[in-house]
């Protein structure tokens, strides 16, 4: 066994994963990794990320990190689902094809229900329709195919509920009316979040590196102020900062430059490294744990497993408000940052409910 393989295996075991599957189909160019972190609460559920990773090691690190995060997200959302995630290595604009997606679907099917997949960065509802032609363990399909459709809708709604709860906790009213909110990333989720904020009476300043997303914002919400970069947004005079792009948005420099009093956004894994949550607390910035407030999407696609009902899923996503308030209260009682309180609450549920079940078998 090579040193590289030894390192890969050590990393899997160090992250407490139950199962990691490497998937390869030479004809279609498929190279994928499926990681099942924890099935104490039920089968692992998490999206498929299609991304041009620099190396297989980078892809492995990402899928291990993301799948572990899904265990916590699903537990905190009150779902009877564990954590899983998948990554497909490559540029989706160059290699994505029906044949590749169907080959991937057969690997998902081979896990026999221990992992349910859905959309993520680089994959869309239409892709899940294709994957579902080879596997029945697929969520996030189109409405026409009997699915829940675009999960960004309830992801944004859940973030908005978390933001309302943060405003209630900090300013005494569950509204962003009269507040200035900075949204970084107005793609899948950010554009819906902007709509909720405008409707609530907030003023919005936004940025996105993709001109198409910026142009969509100009066409649909002309009142939104556009700035040229995330750095400019972070330093702007804002009350709330909403990172809605890729992870790692909150690093040392960002926290030092922030003027906002609340951070609440849709991006996954916002804390660039351990300890950032303490820096936020030291600066008096209230941080809404990302995997708590962005769980509306997973609530939406999870509802599809039992036969999708949008109003039922929306009611469940509304509960993010109460859970956010509970996290802030627990953090205050225990003298810890909200992210630590969220972890503790999720771990408690996995332990208390999971001990009744053991490893999930379909």
Protein backbone atom coordinates (compact mmCIF):
# COMPACT_ATOMS: atom_id res chain seq x y z
CA UNK A 1 0.00 0.00 0.00
CA UNK A 2 1.39 3.41 -0.99
CA UNK A 3 2.04 6.24 1.47
CA UNK A 4 -0.66 8.27 -0.29
CA UNK A 5 -3.23 5.53 0.26
CA UNK A 6 -2.13 5.17 3.88
CA UNK A 7 -2.67 8.90 4.36
CA UNK A 8 -6.10 8.75 2.74
CA UNK A 9 -7.22 5.89 4.99
CA UNK A 10 -5.87 7.62 8.09
CA UNK A 11 -7.79 10.74 7.20
CA UNK A 12 -11.03 8.78 6.78
CA UNK A 13 -10.64 7.07 10.15
CA UNK A 14 -9.59 10.30 11.86
CA UNK A 15 -12.85 11.92 10.75
CA UNK A 16 -14.97 9.07 12.16
CA UNK A 17 -16.58 8.21 8.82
CA UNK A 18 -18.49 4.97 8.48
CA UNK A 19 -17.88 4.48 4.77
CA UNK A 20 -16.04 6.11 1.88
CA UNK A 21 -16.53 4.83 -1.67
CA UNK A 22 -14.37 5.72 -4.67
CA UNK A 23 -16.28 5.55 -7.96
CA UNK A 24 -14.69 5.40 -11.42
CA UNK A 25 -16.07 4.88 -14.91
CA UNK A 26 -13.36 5.17 -17.55
CA UNK A 27 -15.61 5.55 -20.58
CA UNK A 28 -17.50 8.57 -19.25
CA UNK A 29 -14.58 10.09 -17.32
CA UNK A 30 -16.38 9.75 -14.00
CA UNK A 31 -14.22 10.05 -10.90
CA UNK A 32 -16.30 10.46 -7.76
CA UNK A 33 -16.08 9.94 -4.02
CA UNK A 34 -19.11 9.22 -1.84
CA UNK A 35 -18.63 9.69 1.91
CA UNK A 36 -21.12 8.45 4.51
CA UNK A 37 -20.20 10.04 7.82
CA UNK A 38 -22.87 8.91 10.26
CA UNK A 39 -26.13 6.97 9.97
CA UNK A 40 -27.20 6.90 13.61
CA UNK A 41 -30.32 8.93 12.82
CA UNK A 42 -31.00 7.38 9.39
CA UNK A 43 -29.50 7.15 5.91
CA UNK A 44 -26.95 9.76 4.98
CA UNK A 45 -28.33 12.66 2.97
CA UNK A 46 -26.26 15.31 1.23
CA UNK A 47 -25.69 16.80 -2.19
CA UNK A 48 -23.28 15.99 -5.00
CA UNK A 49 -20.62 18.63 -5.64
CA UNK A 50 -19.19 18.70 -9.20
CA UNK A 51 -15.93 20.64 -9.03
CA UNK A 52 -12.50 20.77 -10.74
CA UNK A 53 -10.41 19.86 -7.69
CA UNK A 54 -6.66 20.34 -8.05
CA UNK A 55 -6.06 16.81 -6.76
CA UNK A 56 -7.86 13.70 -5.55
CA UNK A 57 -6.55 14.48 -2.07
CA UNK A 58 -8.29 17.86 -2.16
CA UNK A 59 -11.50 16.16 -3.26
CA UNK A 60 -11.26 13.66 -0.42
CA UNK A 61 -10.68 16.37 2.17
CA UNK A 62 -13.69 18.29 0.87
CA UNK A 63 -16.08 15.33 0.83
CA UNK A 64 -15.02 14.27 4.34
CA UNK A 65 -15.55 17.79 5.67
CA UNK A 66 -18.87 18.28 3.89
CA UNK A 67 -20.34 14.90 4.85
CA UNK A 68 -19.46 15.42 8.50
CA UNK A 69 -21.16 18.80 8.32
CA UNK A 70 -24.29 17.14 6.94
CA UNK A 71 -24.53 14.89 10.01
CA UNK A 72 -24.69 17.99 12.20
CA UNK A 73 -27.00 19.87 9.84
CA UNK A 74 -29.53 17.04 9.56
CA UNK A 75 -29.45 16.40 13.31
CA UNK A 76 -30.01 20.04 14.19
CA UNK A 77 -32.81 20.30 11.61
CA UNK A 78 -34.67 17.54 13.46
CA UNK A 79 -34.48 15.12 10.53
CA UNK A 80 -34.22 11.36 10.88
CA UNK A 81 -31.28 11.39 8.52
CA UNK A 82 -27.54 11.03 8.86
CA UNK A 83 -24.73 12.79 7.04
CA UNK A 84 -23.41 12.00 3.59
CA UNK A 85 -21.93 13.86 0.65
CA UNK A 86 -20.43 13.16 -2.75
CA UNK A 87 -17.98 14.92 -5.03
CA UNK A 88 -17.42 14.43 -8.74
CA UNK A 89 -13.93 15.50 -9.81
CA UNK A 90 -13.74 17.64 -12.94
CA UNK A 91 -15.06 20.77 -14.59
CA UNK A 92 -18.82 20.28 -15.08
CA UNK A 93 -18.75 22.65 -18.04
CA UNK A 94 -16.35 20.31 -19.82
CA UNK A 95 -17.11 16.72 -18.81
CA UNK A 96 -20.69 16.63 -17.50
CA UNK A 97 -22.83 14.36 -19.69
CA UNK A 98 -25.90 12.16 -19.45
CA UNK A 99 -23.72 9.05 -19.54
CA UNK A 100 -21.47 10.30 -16.72
CA UNK A 101 -24.42 11.25 -14.51
CA UNK A 102 -26.10 7.92 -15.11
CA UNK A 103 -22.89 6.06 -14.32
CA UNK A 104 -22.71 8.05 -11.09
CA UNK A 105 -26.34 7.16 -10.37
CA UNK A 106 -25.51 3.45 -10.53
CA UNK A 107 -22.84 3.92 -7.87
CA UNK A 108 -25.37 5.74 -5.65
CA UNK A 109 -27.79 2.86 -6.20
CA UNK A 110 -25.10 0.33 -5.25
CA UNK A 111 -25.14 1.69 -1.68
CA UNK A 112 -28.73 0.44 -1.43
CA UNK A 113 -30.16 3.43 0.41
CA UNK A 114 -27.38 4.19 2.86
CA UNK A 115 -26.87 7.45 0.96
CA UNK A 116 -29.40 9.80 -0.65
CA UNK A 117 -28.00 12.41 -3.03
CA UNK A 118 -29.21 15.84 -4.12
CA UNK A 119 -27.91 19.05 -5.79
CA UNK A 120 -24.88 21.02 -4.71
CA UNK A 121 -22.28 23.26 -6.34
CA UNK A 122 -22.03 22.30 -10.01
CA UNK A 123 -25.17 20.14 -10.07
CA UNK A 124 -28.76 21.13 -10.71
CA UNK A 125 -32.30 19.81 -10.59
CA UNK A 126 -32.04 18.60 -14.19
CA UNK A 127 -28.92 16.62 -13.29
CA UNK A 128 -30.74 14.88 -10.44
CA UNK A 129 -33.47 13.89 -12.88
CA UNK A 130 -30.79 12.13 -14.94
CA UNK A 131 -29.15 10.48 -11.91
CA UNK A 132 -32.57 9.24 -10.76
CA UNK A 133 -32.94 7.22 -13.96
CA UNK A 134 -30.36 4.85 -12.47
CA UNK A 135 -31.04 5.24 -8.74
CA UNK A 136 -34.11 5.60 -6.55
CA UNK A 137 -32.06 7.27 -3.80
CA UNK A 138 -32.12 10.74 -5.34
CA UNK A 139 -33.80 13.90 -4.06
CA UNK A 140 -33.89 17.44 -5.39
CA UNK A 141 -35.48 16.31 -8.65
CA UNK A 142 -37.69 18.55 -10.76
CA UNK A 143 -41.36 19.01 -9.99
CA UNK A 144 -42.12 17.38 -13.36
CA UNK A 145 -40.28 14.27 -12.18
CA UNK A 146 -42.15 14.19 -8.90
CA UNK A 147 -39.47 16.00 -6.91
CA UNK A 148 -39.13 19.08 -4.73
CA UNK A 149 -37.57 21.30 -7.37
CA UNK A 150 -34.96 23.94 -6.60
CA UNK A 151 -33.91 23.59 -2.95
CA UNK A 152 -32.47 27.13 -3.01
CA UNK A 153 -35.99 28.38 -2.37
CA UNK A 154 -36.24 27.05 1.17
CA UNK A 155 -32.51 27.44 1.80
CA UNK A 156 -32.96 31.19 1.39
CA UNK A 157 -36.18 31.15 3.41
CA UNK A 158 -34.41 29.36 6.27
CA UNK A 159 -31.50 31.81 6.23
CA UNK A 160 -34.03 34.63 6.40
CA UNK A 161 -35.67 32.99 9.44
CA UNK A 162 -32.27 32.69 11.11
CA UNK A 163 -31.60 36.35 10.33
CA UNK A 164 -34.96 37.38 11.80
CA UNK A 165 -34.16 35.40 14.96
CA UNK A 166 -30.74 37.07 15.17
CA UNK A 167 -32.38 40.48 14.86
CA UNK A 168 -34.86 39.56 17.58
CA UNK A 169 -32.06 38.41 19.88
CA UNK A 170 -29.80 41.43 19.28
CA UNK A 171 -32.21 44.29 18.57
CA UNK A 172 -35.49 43.10 20.10
CA UNK A 173 -37.59 42.78 16.93
CA UNK A 174 -37.78 39.87 14.41
CA UNK A 175 -37.36 42.08 11.36
CA UNK A 176 -34.63 43.54 9.16
CA UNK A 177 -36.69 46.64 8.36
CA UNK A 178 -34.46 49.69 8.35
CA UNK A 179 -31.28 47.58 8.52
CA UNK A 180 -28.55 47.46 5.89
CA UNK A 181 -27.70 43.90 4.85
CA UNK A 182 -24.65 42.94 2.81
CA UNK A 183 -25.10 39.81 0.67
CA UNK A 184 -21.97 38.21 -0.78
CA UNK A 185 -23.01 35.88 -3.60
CA UNK A 186 -26.34 36.32 -5.38
CA UNK A 187 -26.48 33.06 -7.28
CA UNK A 188 -28.69 30.10 -6.39
CA UNK A 189 -29.60 31.15 -2.84
CA UNK A 190 -28.52 34.77 -2.53
CA UNK A 191 -31.00 36.05 -5.10
CA UNK A 192 -33.94 34.56 -3.19
CA UNK A 193 -32.58 35.94 0.09
CA UNK A 194 -32.39 39.43 -1.42
CA UNK A 195 -36.09 39.15 -2.29
CA UNK A 196 -37.03 38.29 1.30
CA UNK A 197 -34.93 41.17 2.62
CA UNK A 198 -36.40 43.76 0.25
CA UNK A 199 -39.91 42.59 1.10
CA UNK A 200 -39.08 42.92 4.81
CA UNK A 201 -37.97 46.53 4.38
CA UNK A 202 -34.19 46.11 4.53
CA UNK A 203 -31.76 47.96 2.29
CA UNK A 204 -29.36 45.61 0.52
CA UNK A 205 -25.82 45.96 -0.77
CA UNK A 206 -24.47 42.98 -2.71
CA UNK A 207 -21.57 41.56 -4.70
CA UNK A 208 -20.86 38.56 -6.90
CA UNK A 209 -17.83 37.72 -9.07
CA UNK A 210 -20.08 36.56 -11.93
CA UNK A 211 -21.44 39.32 -14.13
CA UNK A 212 -24.50 37.26 -15.03
CA UNK A 213 -25.61 37.10 -11.39
CA UNK A 214 -25.01 40.83 -10.96
CA UNK A 215 -26.98 41.63 -14.11
CA UNK A 216 -29.89 39.47 -12.88
CA UNK A 217 -29.90 41.51 -9.67
CA UNK A 218 -29.90 44.79 -11.60
CA UNK A 219 -32.80 43.60 -13.75
CA UNK A 220 -34.91 42.36 -10.84
CA UNK A 221 -33.94 44.53 -7.84
CA UNK A 222 -32.71 47.85 -9.16
CA UNK A 223 -32.74 49.32 -5.63
CA UNK A 224 -29.90 47.01 -4.52
CA UNK A 225 -26.49 48.70 -4.30
CA UNK A 226 -23.76 46.73 -6.10
CA UNK A 227 -20.13 46.78 -4.94
CA UNK A 228 -17.17 45.34 -6.81
CA UNK A 229 -15.81 42.78 -4.34
CA UNK A 230 -16.41 40.86 -1.13
CA UNK A 231 -13.62 42.90 0.50
CA UNK A 232 -15.45 46.12 -0.29
CA UNK A 233 -18.71 44.66 1.04
CA UNK A 234 -17.10 43.50 4.27
CA UNK A 235 -15.73 46.95 4.95
CA UNK A 236 -18.97 48.72 4.10
CA UNK A 237 -21.28 50.22 6.71
CA UNK A 238 -23.65 47.27 7.14
CA UNK A 239 -25.67 45.86 10.02
CA UNK A 240 -25.75 42.25 8.79
CA UNK A 241 -23.25 40.31 6.67
CA UNK A 242 -24.65 37.37 4.70
CA UNK A 243 -21.95 35.18 3.08
CA UNK A 244 -23.79 33.13 0.44
CA UNK A 245 -20.96 31.84 -1.77
CA UNK A 246 -18.33 29.16 -1.07
CA UNK A 247 -16.95 28.31 2.37
CA UNK A 248 -14.15 29.86 4.40
CA UNK A 249 -15.66 33.35 4.19
CA UNK A 250 -14.87 34.18 7.81
CA UNK A 251 -11.11 34.35 8.31
CA UNK A 252 -8.96 36.51 10.56
CA UNK A 253 -8.80 39.45 8.15
CA UNK A 254 -12.53 39.38 7.44
CA UNK A 255 -13.51 39.34 11.10
CA UNK A 256 -11.13 42.22 11.83
CA UNK A 257 -12.62 44.33 9.02
CA UNK A 258 -16.33 43.59 9.60
CA UNK A 259 -18.58 46.44 10.61
CA UNK A 260 -21.68 44.22 10.82
CA UNK A 261 -23.12 43.16 14.17
CA UNK A 262 -24.66 39.95 12.79
CA UNK A 263 -23.26 37.31 10.44
CA UNK A 264 -25.95 35.09 8.97
CA UNK A 265 -25.62 33.55 5.52
CA UNK A 266 -26.15 30.52 3.32
CA UNK A 267 -22.56 29.45 2.63
CA UNK A 268 -21.37 26.18 4.11
CA UNK A 269 -18.34 25.97 6.43
CA UNK A 270 -18.00 29.73 6.85
CA UNK A 271 -15.42 29.56 9.65
CA UNK A 272 -12.03 29.38 7.94
CA UNK A 273 -10.39 27.67 10.93
CA UNK A 274 -11.10 26.80 14.57
CA UNK A 275 -11.00 29.86 16.77
CA UNK A 276 -12.72 32.25 14.37
CA UNK A 277 -15.94 31.85 16.34
CA UNK A 278 -14.14 33.22 19.42
CA UNK A 279 -12.81 36.18 17.43
CA UNK A 280 -16.37 37.01 16.33
CA UNK A 281 -17.59 36.81 19.91
CA UNK A 282 -14.70 38.99 21.14
CA UNK A 283 -15.68 41.68 18.62
CA UNK A 284 -19.34 41.55 19.70
CA UNK A 285 -20.50 40.05 16.40
CA UNK A 286 -23.40 37.60 16.67
CA UNK A 287 -22.73 34.57 14.46
CA UNK A 288 -25.64 32.42 13.30
CA UNK A 289 -24.15 28.92 12.77
CA UNK A 290 -24.16 28.28 9.04
CA UNK A 291 -25.34 24.67 9.09
CA UNK A 292 -28.27 25.70 11.27
CA UNK A 293 -29.62 28.58 9.21
CA UNK A 294 -28.94 27.09 5.76
CA UNK A 295 -30.73 23.82 6.51
CA UNK A 296 -33.95 24.85 4.73
CA UNK A 297 -32.68 23.23 1.53
CA UNK A 298 -32.01 19.87 3.13
CA UNK A 299 -35.41 20.08 4.85
CA UNK A 300 -36.94 20.59 1.40
CA UNK A 301 -35.19 17.68 -0.31
CA UNK A 302 -35.69 15.42 2.73
CA UNK A 303 -39.42 15.99 2.48
CA UNK A 304 -39.26 14.60 -1.04
CA UNK A 305 -38.33 11.17 0.34
CA UNK A 306 -41.81 10.78 1.82
CA UNK A 307 -43.65 12.48 -1.05
CA UNK A 308 -43.03 16.19 -1.40
CA UNK A 309 -45.42 18.78 0.02
CA UNK A 310 -44.06 22.33 -0.25
CA UNK A 311 -46.23 23.84 2.50
CA UNK A 312 -45.26 21.07 4.92
CA UNK A 313 -41.58 21.57 4.11
CA UNK A 314 -41.93 25.34 4.51
CA UNK A 315 -43.53 24.91 7.94
CA UNK A 316 -40.59 22.76 8.97
CA UNK A 317 -38.12 25.32 7.63
CA UNK A 318 -39.92 28.01 9.64
CA UNK A 319 -38.71 26.15 12.72
CA UNK A 320 -35.20 27.46 12.00
CA UNK A 321 -36.29 30.67 13.74
CA UNK A 322 -37.05 28.85 17.02
CA UNK A 323 -33.94 26.66 16.80
CA UNK A 324 -31.75 29.72 16.26
CA UNK A 325 -33.24 31.39 19.33
CA UNK A 326 -32.68 28.18 21.30
CA UNK A 327 -29.02 28.09 20.22
CA UNK A 328 -28.46 31.70 21.32
CA UNK A 329 -30.10 30.98 24.67
CA UNK A 330 -27.99 27.84 25.17
CA UNK A 331 -24.83 29.71 24.21
CA UNK A 332 -25.59 32.39 26.78
CA UNK A 333 -26.37 29.84 29.51
CA UNK A 334 -23.22 27.80 28.90
CA UNK A 335 -20.91 30.73 28.17
CA UNK A 336 -19.85 29.49 24.74
CA UNK A 337 -20.09 30.87 21.17
CA UNK A 338 -23.29 29.97 19.26
CA UNK A 339 -21.38 27.61 16.95
CA UNK A 340 -20.24 25.56 19.95
CA UNK A 341 -23.78 25.50 21.36
CA UNK A 342 -25.11 24.32 17.98
CA UNK A 343 -22.53 21.51 17.85
CA UNK A 344 -23.46 20.41 21.36
CA UNK A 345 -27.17 20.34 20.58
CA UNK A 346 -26.63 18.33 17.38
CA UNK A 347 -24.28 15.88 19.11
CA UNK A 348 -26.77 15.43 21.93
CA UNK A 349 -29.52 14.47 19.48
CA UNK A 350 -27.26 12.09 17.55
CA UNK A 351 -26.26 10.45 20.84
CA UNK A 352 -29.68 10.26 22.48
CA UNK A 353 -31.69 9.17 19.45
CA UNK A 354 -28.90 7.40 17.61
CA UNK A 355 -28.16 4.97 20.44
CA UNK A 356 -31.59 3.46 19.82
CA UNK A 357 -30.71 2.59 16.23
CA UNK A 358 -27.06 1.83 15.66
CA UNK A 359 -25.68 1.72 12.13
CA UNK A 360 -28.39 2.22 9.53
CA UNK A 361 -29.33 -0.72 7.35
CA UNK A 362 -31.94 -0.27 4.59
